[in-house]
């Protein structure tokens, strides 16, 4: 179980990202694609084209953490960019937790894949 403090800034890259990237590649994506400083203490979320995998990038002041989640079935859901490769969405830590728990952020309900997996 992940726990996020209430003042954490969370940025989601709305355009798909190549998730073969790890520490350095995601760090560069946060800087170049999102225009944010990864050392700011924010958490960055990147997803693949199929929306079944995400990676989180976080700098805790002493080092960089990369967390990954791959869904066995179903997809994550957040608003898509309208062809803007540098678009980002700001979430509250609570909304990020809902996203990771299978809740569609648009309608506030668990996705069908989550209901049948429980």
Protein backbone atom coordinates (compact mmCIF):
# COMPACT_ATOMS: atom_id res chain seq x y z
CA UNK A 1 0.00 0.00 0.00
CA UNK A 2 1.33 3.38 -0.98
CA UNK A 3 0.67 6.41 1.15
CA UNK A 4 0.84 9.97 -0.14
CA UNK A 5 0.94 13.09 2.03
CA UNK A 6 -1.78 15.67 1.46
CA UNK A 7 0.56 18.37 0.10
CA UNK A 8 2.20 16.19 -2.57
CA UNK A 9 2.00 17.60 -6.08
CA UNK A 10 1.11 14.94 -8.65
CA UNK A 11 1.48 15.46 -12.40
CA UNK A 12 0.18 12.97 -14.97
CA UNK A 13 1.59 13.06 -18.50
CA UNK A 14 -1.60 12.75 -20.55
CA UNK A 15 0.22 11.66 -23.71
CA UNK A 16 1.61 8.11 -23.79
CA UNK A 17 5.23 7.57 -22.81
CA UNK A 18 7.73 4.88 -23.75
CA UNK A 19 7.80 2.92 -20.50
CA UNK A 20 11.02 1.16 -21.39
CA UNK A 21 12.51 4.31 -19.89
CA UNK A 22 13.66 4.14 -16.31
CA UNK A 23 15.30 6.65 -13.98
CA UNK A 24 17.10 8.89 -16.49
CA UNK A 25 14.49 8.62 -19.24
CA UNK A 26 11.59 9.45 -16.94
CA UNK A 27 13.61 12.25 -15.33
CA UNK A 28 14.17 13.76 -18.80
CA UNK A 29 10.47 13.34 -19.65
CA UNK A 30 9.46 15.22 -16.50
CA UNK A 31 11.80 18.07 -17.42
CA UNK A 32 11.34 18.25 -21.18
CA UNK A 33 7.80 17.02 -21.81
CA UNK A 34 6.12 18.32 -18.67
CA UNK A 35 8.31 21.35 -18.01
CA UNK A 36 8.71 20.45 -14.34
CA UNK A 37 11.73 20.05 -12.07
CA UNK A 38 11.84 16.47 -10.75
CA UNK A 39 13.77 17.72 -7.70
CA UNK A 40 10.74 19.79 -6.67
CA UNK A 41 9.31 16.93 -4.62
CA UNK A 42 6.43 16.29 -7.01
CA UNK A 43 5.42 12.81 -8.16
CA UNK A 44 5.19 12.19 -11.90
CA UNK A 45 2.92 9.59 -13.52
CA UNK A 46 3.57 8.22 -17.00
CA UNK A 47 1.40 5.72 -18.87
CA UNK A 48 1.76 3.64 -22.02
CA UNK A 49 -0.46 3.75 -25.11
CA UNK A 50 -2.63 0.84 -23.99
CA UNK A 51 -3.12 2.36 -20.50
CA UNK A 52 -2.42 -0.93 -18.80
CA UNK A 53 0.93 0.15 -17.35
CA UNK A 54 2.11 3.18 -15.44
CA UNK A 55 5.36 4.32 -13.91
CA UNK A 56 5.74 6.82 -11.09
CA UNK A 57 8.85 8.96 -10.67
CA UNK A 58 9.63 10.61 -7.34
CA UNK A 59 12.70 12.33 -5.89
CA UNK A 60 12.67 12.08 -2.09
CA UNK A 61 15.61 14.41 -1.47
CA UNK A 62 18.18 11.63 -1.28
CA UNK A 63 17.50 9.67 -4.46
CA UNK A 64 15.08 8.85 -7.23
CA UNK A 65 12.33 6.26 -6.90
CA UNK A 66 10.63 4.58 -9.85
CA UNK A 67 7.53 2.50 -9.20
CA UNK A 68 5.68 0.53 -11.85
CA UNK A 69 2.24 -1.05 -12.01
CA UNK A 70 1.05 -3.40 -14.73
CA UNK A 71 -2.58 -4.37 -14.82
CA UNK A 72 -3.30 -8.00 -15.57
CA UNK A 73 -6.54 -6.90 -17.21
CA UNK A 74 -8.34 -3.62 -17.72
CA UNK A 75 -6.91 -0.14 -18.11
CA UNK A 76 -6.19 2.99 -16.15
CA UNK A 77 -8.33 5.95 -17.14
CA UNK A 78 -7.53 9.65 -17.12
CA UNK A 79 -8.32 12.44 -19.61
CA UNK A 80 -6.37 12.30 -22.86
CA UNK A 81 -4.40 15.09 -24.45
CA UNK A 82 -5.79 16.55 -27.64
CA UNK A 83 -2.65 15.74 -29.60
CA UNK A 84 -0.48 17.82 -27.28
CA UNK A 85 2.66 15.80 -26.46
CA UNK A 86 3.55 18.04 -23.50
CA UNK A 87 0.12 18.15 -21.84
CA UNK A 88 -0.12 17.32 -18.15
CA UNK A 89 -2.86 16.89 -15.62
CA UNK A 90 -2.48 17.90 -11.99
CA UNK A 91 -4.04 15.50 -9.48
CA UNK A 92 -4.47 15.54 -5.75
CA UNK A 93 -2.81 12.66 -3.89
CA UNK A 94 -6.29 11.31 -3.16
CA UNK A 95 -7.16 11.27 -6.87
CA UNK A 96 -3.91 9.42 -7.60
CA UNK A 97 -4.83 6.79 -5.02
CA UNK A 98 -8.26 6.40 -6.66
CA UNK A 99 -6.63 6.04 -10.07
CA UNK A 100 -4.29 3.33 -8.75
CA UNK A 101 -7.26 1.59 -7.11
CA UNK A 102 -9.18 1.29 -10.39
CA UNK A 103 -11.53 4.26 -10.11
CA UNK A 104 -12.46 6.12 -13.29
CA UNK A 105 -11.68 9.73 -12.42
CA UNK A 106 -14.34 11.01 -14.80
CA UNK A 107 -17.38 9.38 -13.19
CA UNK A 108 -16.04 8.36 -9.78
CA UNK A 109 -16.92 4.67 -10.12
CA UNK A 110 -14.74 1.62 -10.19
CA UNK A 111 -14.04 0.37 -13.69
CA UNK A 112 -15.78 -2.84 -14.74
CA UNK A 113 -12.48 -4.78 -14.83
CA UNK A 114 -11.88 -3.94 -11.16
CA UNK A 115 -15.30 -5.08 -10.03
CA UNK A 116 -14.91 -8.49 -11.65
CA UNK A 117 -11.34 -8.89 -10.31
CA UNK A 118 -12.33 -8.50 -6.65
